[in-house]
Amino acid sequence: MKKIVISACLIGEKCRYNGLDSESKAVTNRFGGDSLIQICPEQMGGLPTPRPAAEIVGGDGADVLDGRAQVVTVDGEDKTAAFLAGAYRALEIAQAHRATYAILKSKSPSCGCGKIYDGSFTGNLTGSDGVTAALFRRHGIEIITEEDIENET
């Protein structure tokens, strides 16, 4: 059985910034028989639910990992340390389970893979990864989003 790390919001956990989930029937239908390892890097980094929306300012997830960008809330609070702590905790869990595959929430400043909001809080997207996604890539974990799975059907 394949072990897959998954953003907890995609399987119905109400852990998103707004207190809701992003449950994807396409994900649960396709991967329900696999061993799904739930993570919410933002909660694992100590952030509450609900919480103010956050975006990466000054770069992308890789830049946050390298100290060149910050994760900031819509209220202007720097939450970089919490996002980093959560990303590294998520990586520890993935490695402990020897997971090499992850399904992460699209557009999230943590889990976004291939596109995230650009830091302007205007809904604009950029072709980048969130903090956890960038860290997973650096450690050889293959990542897709729920949108990739939903677009297959």
N, C-alpha and C. Protein backbone atom coordinates (compact mmCIF):
# COMPACT_ATOMS: atom_id res chain seq x y z
N MET A 1 0.84 -1.18 0.00
CA MET A 1 0.00 0.00 0.00
C MET A 1 0.89 1.25 0.00
N LYS A 2 0.60 2.15 -0.93
CA LYS A 2 1.37 3.38 -1.04
C LYS A 2 1.02 4.32 0.11
N LYS A 3 2.04 4.91 0.75
CA LYS A 3 1.82 5.90 1.80
C LYS A 3 1.88 7.28 1.18
N ILE A 4 0.81 8.04 1.37
CA ILE A 4 0.67 9.34 0.73
C ILE A 4 0.43 10.40 1.80
N VAL A 5 1.24 11.44 1.79
CA VAL A 5 1.00 12.60 2.65
C VAL A 5 -0.08 13.42 1.98
N ILE A 6 -1.04 13.91 2.76
CA ILE A 6 -2.13 14.68 2.19
C ILE A 6 -2.49 15.85 3.09
N SER A 7 -2.80 16.97 2.46
CA SER A 7 -3.31 18.12 3.22
C SER A 7 -4.63 17.69 3.86
N ALA A 8 -4.71 17.82 5.17
CA ALA A 8 -5.88 17.34 5.91
C ALA A 8 -7.18 17.98 5.43
N CYS A 9 -7.13 19.22 4.98
CA CYS A 9 -8.35 19.90 4.52
C CYS A 9 -8.96 19.19 3.32
N LEU A 10 -8.15 18.48 2.53
CA LEU A 10 -8.66 17.82 1.34
C LEU A 10 -9.49 16.58 1.65
N ILE A 11 -9.37 16.08 2.88
CA ILE A 11 -10.17 14.91 3.25
C ILE A 11 -11.17 15.25 4.36
N GLY A 12 -11.52 16.53 4.42
CA GLY A 12 -12.63 16.94 5.26
C GLY A 12 -12.31 17.56 6.60
N GLU A 13 -11.03 17.69 6.96
CA GLU A 13 -10.69 18.34 8.22
C GLU A 13 -10.90 19.85 8.07
N LYS A 14 -11.55 20.44 9.01
CA LYS A 14 -11.83 21.88 8.97
C LYS A 14 -10.65 22.66 9.57
N CYS A 15 -9.56 22.70 8.80
CA CYS A 15 -8.32 23.30 9.29
C CYS A 15 -7.83 24.45 8.41
N ARG A 16 -8.58 24.81 7.39
CA ARG A 16 -8.17 25.93 6.55
C ARG A 16 -8.20 27.23 7.34
N TYR A 17 -7.57 28.24 6.81
CA TYR A 17 -7.48 29.53 7.49
C TYR A 17 -8.87 30.06 7.88
N ASN A 18 -9.88 29.76 7.09
CA ASN A 18 -11.22 30.28 7.35
C ASN A 18 -12.09 29.34 8.18
N GLY A 19 -11.48 28.27 8.69
CA GLY A 19 -12.20 27.31 9.52
C GLY A 19 -12.98 26.27 8.75
N LEU A 20 -12.84 26.26 7.44
CA LEU A 20 -13.55 25.30 6.60
C LEU A 20 -12.59 24.23 6.09
N ASP A 21 -13.13 23.27 5.33
CA ASP A 21 -12.28 22.28 4.67
C ASP A 21 -12.31 22.55 3.18
N SER A 22 -11.58 21.76 2.43
CA SER A 22 -11.57 21.81 0.96
C SER A 22 -11.71 20.39 0.44
N GLU A 23 -12.62 19.64 1.06
CA GLU A 23 -12.74 18.22 0.73
C GLU A 23 -12.91 18.04 -0.77
N SER A 24 -12.15 17.09 -1.30
CA SER A 24 -12.17 16.78 -2.72
C SER A 24 -12.63 15.34 -2.89
N LYS A 25 -13.81 15.16 -3.42
CA LYS A 25 -14.33 13.80 -3.67
C LYS A 25 -13.44 13.05 -4.65
N ALA A 26 -12.87 13.75 -5.62
CA ALA A 26 -11.99 13.10 -6.58
C ALA A 26 -10.78 12.49 -5.87
N VAL A 27 -10.24 13.20 -4.88
CA VAL A 27 -9.09 12.70 -4.13
C VAL A 27 -9.50 11.49 -3.29
N THR A 28 -10.57 11.62 -2.51
CA THR A 28 -10.96 10.50 -1.64
C THR A 28 -11.40 9.30 -2.45
N ASN A 29 -12.07 9.51 -3.59
CA ASN A 29 -12.46 8.38 -4.43
C ASN A 29 -11.26 7.65 -5.01
N ARG A 30 -10.25 8.40 -5.39
CA ARG A 30 -9.08 7.79 -6.03
C ARG A 30 -8.10 7.19 -5.02
N PHE A 31 -7.93 7.84 -3.86
CA PHE A 31 -6.88 7.42 -2.93
C PHE A 31 -7.40 6.88 -1.60
N GLY A 32 -8.70 6.70 -1.47
CA GLY A 32 -9.27 6.26 -0.21
C GLY A 32 -8.73 4.94 0.30
N GLY A 33 -8.25 4.06 -0.58
CA GLY A 33 -7.72 2.76 -0.16
C GLY A 33 -6.25 2.79 0.20
N ASP A 34 -5.60 3.90 -0.07
CA ASP A 34 -4.19 4.02 0.26
C ASP A 34 -4.04 4.52 1.70
N SER A 35 -2.85 4.43 2.21
CA SER A 35 -2.55 4.92 3.55
C SER A 35 -2.30 6.43 3.47
N LEU A 36 -3.31 7.22 3.87
CA LEU A 36 -3.21 8.67 3.80
C LEU A 36 -2.70 9.23 5.12
N ILE A 37 -1.63 9.98 5.06
CA ILE A 37 -1.01 10.57 6.24
C ILE A 37 -1.37 12.05 6.24
N GLN A 38 -2.28 12.43 7.12
CA GLN A 38 -2.81 13.80 7.16
C GLN A 38 -1.81 14.77 7.78
N ILE A 39 -1.71 15.92 7.14
CA ILE A 39 -0.91 17.02 7.70
C ILE A 39 -1.66 18.33 7.50
N CYS A 40 -1.46 19.25 8.39
CA CYS A 40 -1.84 20.65 8.19
C CYS A 40 -0.65 21.46 8.70
N PRO A 41 0.28 21.80 7.81
CA PRO A 41 1.48 22.50 8.25
C PRO A 41 1.21 23.78 9.03
N GLU A 42 0.15 24.48 8.69
CA GLU A 42 -0.13 25.74 9.38
C GLU A 42 -0.52 25.47 10.84
N GLN A 43 -1.38 24.48 11.07
CA GLN A 43 -1.71 24.12 12.44
C GLN A 43 -0.48 23.52 13.15
N MET A 44 0.28 22.71 12.43
CA MET A 44 1.46 22.07 13.02
C MET A 44 2.53 23.10 13.39
N GLY A 45 2.47 24.27 12.77
CA GLY A 45 3.37 25.36 13.10
C GLY A 45 2.86 26.23 14.24
N GLY A 46 1.69 25.87 14.78
CA GLY A 46 1.15 26.57 15.93
C GLY A 46 0.10 27.62 15.63
N LEU A 47 -0.33 27.73 14.39
CA LEU A 47 -1.34 28.72 14.04
C LEU A 47 -2.74 28.20 14.39
N PRO A 48 -3.63 29.07 14.84
CA PRO A 48 -4.99 28.65 15.19
C PRO A 48 -5.87 28.51 13.94
N THR A 49 -7.01 27.91 14.14
CA THR A 49 -8.04 27.85 13.11
C THR A 49 -9.32 28.35 13.74
N PRO A 50 -9.96 29.35 13.15
CA PRO A 50 -9.55 30.10 11.96
C PRO A 50 -8.39 31.05 12.26
N ARG A 51 -7.83 31.60 11.19
CA ARG A 51 -6.70 32.53 11.30
C ARG A 51 -6.76 33.49 10.12
N PRO A 52 -6.11 34.63 10.21
CA PRO A 52 -6.12 35.56 9.07
C PRO A 52 -5.45 34.93 7.85
N ALA A 53 -5.95 35.27 6.69
CA ALA A 53 -5.33 34.81 5.45
C ALA A 53 -3.88 35.28 5.39
N ALA A 54 -3.03 34.45 4.78
CA ALA A 54 -1.61 34.79 4.67
C ALA A 54 -1.14 34.51 3.24
N GLU A 55 -0.14 35.26 2.83
CA GLU A 55 0.49 35.06 1.53
C GLU A 55 1.99 35.27 1.69
N ILE A 56 2.74 34.74 0.75
CA ILE A 56 4.19 34.92 0.73
C ILE A 56 4.49 36.25 0.05
N VAL A 57 5.27 37.07 0.73
CA VAL A 57 5.64 38.38 0.22
C VAL A 57 7.14 38.40 -0.06
N GLY A 58 7.51 38.80 -1.25
CA GLY A 58 8.92 38.93 -1.60
C GLY A 58 9.53 37.71 -2.23
N GLY A 59 8.70 36.78 -2.70
CA GLY A 59 9.24 35.58 -3.33
C GLY A 59 8.27 34.43 -3.25
N ASP A 60 8.81 33.25 -3.10
CA ASP A 60 7.99 32.04 -3.03
C ASP A 60 8.45 31.17 -1.86
N GLY A 61 7.93 29.94 -1.80
CA GLY A 61 8.26 29.05 -0.69
C GLY A 61 9.75 28.77 -0.57
N ALA A 62 10.43 28.60 -1.70
CA ALA A 62 11.88 28.38 -1.66
C ALA A 62 12.59 29.59 -1.07
N ASP A 63 12.12 30.77 -1.41
CA ASP A 63 12.72 31.99 -0.87
C ASP A 63 12.48 32.10 0.63
N VAL A 64 11.32 31.66 1.10
CA VAL A 64 11.06 31.65 2.55
C VAL A 64 12.04 30.69 3.22
N LEU A 65 12.23 29.51 2.65
CA LEU A 65 13.17 28.54 3.22
C LEU A 65 14.58 29.11 3.30
N ASP A 66 14.93 29.93 2.32
CA ASP A 66 16.28 30.49 2.25
C ASP A 66 16.40 31.85 2.94
N GLY A 67 15.34 32.31 3.60
CA GLY A 67 15.38 33.56 4.35
C GLY A 67 15.26 34.82 3.52
N ARG A 68 14.78 34.70 2.27
CA ARG A 68 14.68 35.85 1.38
C ARG A 68 13.26 36.39 1.23
N ALA A 69 12.27 35.72 1.81
CA ALA A 69 10.88 36.16 1.71
C ALA A 69 10.18 35.85 3.03
N GLN A 70 9.01 36.43 3.22
CA GLN A 70 8.25 36.25 4.45
C GLN A 70 6.83 35.80 4.14
N VAL A 71 6.21 35.15 5.12
CA VAL A 71 4.79 34.85 5.05
C VAL A 71 4.10 35.85 5.97
N VAL A 72 3.20 36.63 5.40
CA VAL A 72 2.58 37.74 6.11
C VAL A 72 1.06 37.61 6.00
N THR A 73 0.36 37.95 7.08
CA THR A 73 -1.10 37.92 7.05
C THR A 73 -1.64 39.16 6.36
N VAL A 74 -2.90 39.10 6.03
CA VAL A 74 -3.58 40.24 5.43
C VAL A 74 -3.54 41.45 6.38
N ASP A 75 -3.37 41.19 7.69
CA ASP A 75 -3.24 42.25 8.70
C ASP A 75 -1.81 42.77 8.85
N GLY A 76 -0.87 42.20 8.09
CA GLY A 76 0.51 42.65 8.13
C GLY A 76 1.39 41.95 9.15
N GLU A 77 0.90 40.90 9.80
CA GLU A 77 1.71 40.18 10.79
C GLU A 77 2.61 39.15 10.11
N ASP A 78 3.86 39.12 10.50
CA ASP A 78 4.83 38.16 9.98
C ASP A 78 4.61 36.81 10.66
N LYS A 79 4.26 35.80 9.88
CA LYS A 79 4.02 34.45 10.38
C LYS A 79 5.04 33.46 9.81
N THR A 80 6.15 33.98 9.33
CA THR A 80 7.16 33.13 8.70
C THR A 80 7.62 32.00 9.61
N ALA A 81 7.91 32.28 10.86
CA ALA A 81 8.42 31.25 11.77
C ALA A 81 7.43 30.11 11.91
N ALA A 82 6.15 30.41 12.01
CA ALA A 82 5.13 29.36 12.14
C ALA A 82 5.05 28.52 10.87
N PHE A 83 5.12 29.16 9.71
CA PHE A 83 5.07 28.42 8.45
C PHE A 83 6.29 27.52 8.28
N LEU A 84 7.46 28.01 8.68
CA LEU A 84 8.67 27.18 8.61
C LEU A 84 8.58 26.01 9.57
N ALA A 85 8.16 26.27 10.80
CA ALA A 85 8.05 25.20 11.80
C ALA A 85 7.10 24.12 11.32
N GLY A 86 5.96 24.52 10.77
CA GLY A 86 4.99 23.56 10.27
C GLY A 86 5.51 22.76 9.09
N ALA A 87 6.22 23.41 8.19
CA ALA A 87 6.78 22.72 7.03
C ALA A 87 7.80 21.66 7.46
N TYR A 88 8.67 22.02 8.38
CA TYR A 88 9.67 21.05 8.84
C TYR A 88 9.03 19.91 9.63
N ARG A 89 7.98 20.19 10.39
CA ARG A 89 7.26 19.13 11.11
C ARG A 89 6.58 18.20 10.11
N ALA A 90 5.97 18.76 9.07
CA ALA A 90 5.33 17.94 8.03
C ALA A 90 6.37 17.05 7.33
N LEU A 91 7.55 17.60 7.07
CA LEU A 91 8.61 16.81 6.45
C LEU A 91 9.04 15.66 7.38
N GLU A 92 9.18 15.93 8.66
CA GLU A 92 9.52 14.87 9.62
C GLU A 92 8.51 13.73 9.57
N ILE A 93 7.24 14.09 9.51
CA ILE A 93 6.19 13.07 9.46
C ILE A 93 6.27 12.27 8.16
N ALA A 94 6.43 12.98 7.05
CA ALA A 94 6.54 12.30 5.75
C ALA A 94 7.73 11.34 5.74
N GLN A 95 8.86 11.80 6.25
CA GLN A 95 10.05 10.95 6.27
C GLN A 95 9.90 9.78 7.23
N ALA A 96 9.25 9.99 8.36
CA ALA A 96 9.03 8.90 9.32
C ALA A 96 8.18 7.79 8.70
N HIS A 97 7.28 8.15 7.80
CA HIS A 97 6.43 7.16 7.13
C HIS A 97 7.02 6.70 5.81
N ARG A 98 8.19 7.21 5.46
CA ARG A 98 8.85 6.90 4.20
C ARG A 98 7.96 7.22 2.99
N ALA A 99 7.21 8.27 3.11
CA ALA A 99 6.34 8.70 2.02
C ALA A 99 7.17 9.42 0.96
N THR A 100 6.89 9.13 -0.28
CA THR A 100 7.59 9.78 -1.39
C THR A 100 6.63 10.53 -2.29
N TYR A 101 5.39 10.63 -1.86
CA TYR A 101 4.32 11.19 -2.68
C TYR A 101 3.41 12.02 -1.78
N ALA A 102 2.96 13.19 -2.27
CA ALA A 102 2.07 14.04 -1.49
C ALA A 102 1.01 14.67 -2.38
N ILE A 103 -0.19 14.81 -1.80
CA ILE A 103 -1.28 15.55 -2.43
C ILE A 103 -1.52 16.76 -1.54
N LEU A 104 -1.21 17.94 -2.05
CA LEU A 104 -1.27 19.15 -1.24
C LEU A 104 -2.28 20.14 -1.80
N LYS A 105 -2.84 20.97 -0.92
CA LYS A 105 -3.86 21.95 -1.27
C LYS A 105 -3.31 23.02 -2.20
N SER A 106 -3.95 23.16 -3.33
CA SER A 106 -3.51 24.16 -4.31
C SER A 106 -3.61 25.57 -3.76
N LYS A 107 -2.72 26.42 -4.21
CA LYS A 107 -2.69 27.87 -3.97
C LYS A 107 -2.36 28.28 -2.54
N SER A 108 -2.19 27.35 -1.64
CA SER A 108 -1.90 27.65 -0.24
C SER A 108 -0.47 28.17 -0.07
N PRO A 109 -0.25 29.12 0.85
CA PRO A 109 1.12 29.57 1.10
C PRO A 109 1.98 28.48 1.74
N SER A 110 1.35 27.45 2.28
CA SER A 110 2.09 26.29 2.79
C SER A 110 2.19 25.21 1.72
N CYS A 111 1.02 24.75 1.29
CA CYS A 111 0.94 23.54 0.48
C CYS A 111 0.87 23.78 -1.02
N GLY A 112 0.67 25.00 -1.46
CA GLY A 112 0.51 25.27 -2.88
C GLY A 112 1.64 24.71 -3.71
N CYS A 113 1.27 24.11 -4.82
CA CYS A 113 2.24 23.44 -5.69
C CYS A 113 2.05 23.97 -7.11
N GLY A 114 3.01 24.71 -7.61
CA GLY A 114 2.94 25.21 -8.97
C GLY A 114 2.23 26.53 -9.14
N LYS A 115 1.40 26.90 -8.16
CA LYS A 115 0.80 28.23 -8.19
C LYS A 115 0.33 28.60 -6.78
N ILE A 116 0.69 29.82 -6.41
CA ILE A 116 0.29 30.38 -5.12
C ILE A 116 -0.09 31.84 -5.36
N TYR A 117 -0.75 32.43 -4.37
CA TYR A 117 -1.06 33.86 -4.48
C TYR A 117 0.22 34.66 -4.37
N ASP A 118 0.25 35.82 -5.05
CA ASP A 118 1.50 36.55 -5.26
C ASP A 118 1.92 37.49 -4.13
N GLY A 119 1.20 37.51 -3.02
CA GLY A 119 1.60 38.35 -1.90
C GLY A 119 0.95 39.71 -1.89
N SER A 120 0.10 39.99 -2.87
CA SER A 120 -0.56 41.29 -2.95
C SER A 120 -1.96 41.28 -2.34
N PHE A 121 -2.45 40.10 -1.98
CA PHE A 121 -3.80 39.93 -1.43
C PHE A 121 -4.88 40.46 -2.38
N THR A 122 -4.61 40.31 -3.67
CA THR A 122 -5.56 40.75 -4.69
C THR A 122 -6.11 39.59 -5.52
N GLY A 123 -5.76 38.36 -5.16
CA GLY A 123 -6.23 37.19 -5.90
C GLY A 123 -5.36 36.81 -7.08
N ASN A 124 -4.26 37.52 -7.30
CA ASN A 124 -3.36 37.20 -8.40
C ASN A 124 -2.50 35.99 -8.04
N LEU A 125 -2.32 35.11 -9.01
CA LEU A 125 -1.51 33.91 -8.82
C LEU A 125 -0.17 34.04 -9.50
N THR A 126 0.80 33.31 -8.97
CA THR A 126 2.13 33.24 -9.57
C THR A 126 2.53 31.77 -9.67
N GLY A 127 3.37 31.42 -10.60
CA GLY A 127 3.79 30.04 -10.82
C GLY A 127 4.87 29.61 -9.85
N SER A 128 4.50 29.41 -8.60
CA SER A 128 5.47 29.08 -7.56
C SER A 128 4.89 28.07 -6.58
N ASP A 129 5.72 27.64 -5.64
CA ASP A 129 5.33 26.70 -4.59
C ASP A 129 5.24 27.40 -3.25
N GLY A 130 4.39 26.86 -2.36
CA GLY A 130 4.34 27.30 -0.99
C GLY A 130 5.52 26.74 -0.19
N VAL A 131 5.59 27.06 1.07
CA VAL A 131 6.74 26.71 1.91
C VAL A 131 6.88 25.19 2.06
N THR A 132 5.83 24.50 2.44
CA THR A 132 5.91 23.04 2.62
C THR A 132 6.17 22.35 1.30
N ALA A 133 5.50 22.78 0.25
CA ALA A 133 5.72 22.17 -1.06
C ALA A 133 7.18 22.32 -1.49
N ALA A 134 7.75 23.50 -1.30
CA ALA A 134 9.16 23.72 -1.67
C ALA A 134 10.08 22.82 -0.85
N LEU A 135 9.79 22.68 0.44
CA LEU A 135 10.62 21.82 1.29
C LEU A 135 10.49 20.36 0.86
N PHE A 136 9.28 19.91 0.59
CA PHE A 136 9.09 18.53 0.12
C PHE A 136 9.87 18.29 -1.17
N ARG A 137 9.79 19.22 -2.10
CA ARG A 137 10.53 19.06 -3.37
C ARG A 137 12.03 18.91 -3.11
N ARG A 138 12.55 19.73 -2.21
CA ARG A 138 13.99 19.65 -1.90
C ARG A 138 14.38 18.29 -1.35
N HIS A 139 13.43 17.58 -0.80
CA HIS A 139 13.71 16.27 -0.21
C HIS A 139 13.16 15.12 -1.04
N GLY A 140 12.88 15.38 -2.31
CA GLY A 140 12.53 14.33 -3.26
C GLY A 140 11.12 13.79 -3.15
N ILE A 141 10.23 14.50 -2.49
CA ILE A 141 8.85 14.05 -2.39
C ILE A 141 8.08 14.61 -3.59
N GLU A 142 7.47 13.73 -4.36
CA GLU A 142 6.68 14.13 -5.52
C GLU A 142 5.37 14.75 -5.04
N ILE A 143 4.97 15.87 -5.65
CA ILE A 143 3.79 16.60 -5.20
C ILE A 143 2.83 16.82 -6.36
N ILE A 144 1.54 16.63 -6.05
CA ILE A 144 0.47 17.07 -6.93
C ILE A 144 -0.57 17.76 -6.04
N THR A 145 -1.53 18.43 -6.68
CA THR A 145 -2.61 19.08 -5.93
C THR A 145 -3.93 18.39 -6.25
N GLU A 146 -4.95 18.74 -5.49
CA GLU A 146 -6.28 18.21 -5.76
C GLU A 146 -6.77 18.65 -7.13
N GLU A 147 -6.33 19.81 -7.59
CA GLU A 147 -6.73 20.28 -8.92
C GLU A 147 -6.19 19.37 -10.00
N ASP A 148 -4.97 18.84 -9.84
CA ASP A 148 -4.41 17.92 -10.80
C ASP A 148 -5.28 16.67 -10.91
N ILE A 149 -5.74 16.17 -9.78
CA ILE A 149 -6.57 14.96 -9.75
C ILE A 149 -7.96 15.26 -10.33
N GLU A 150 -8.54 16.38 -9.92
CA GLU A 150 -9.88 16.74 -10.42
C GLU A 150 -9.87 16.98 -11.91
N ASN A 151 -8.77 17.47 -12.47
CA ASN A 151 -8.68 17.74 -13.90
C ASN A 151 -8.45 16.48 -14.72
N GLU A 152 -8.08 15.37 -14.05
CA GLU A 152 -7.89 14.10 -14.75
C GLU A 152 -9.23 13.48 -15.13
N THR A 153 -10.25 13.79 -14.36
CA THR A 153 -11.55 13.13 -14.60
C THR A 153 -12.39 13.84 -15.62
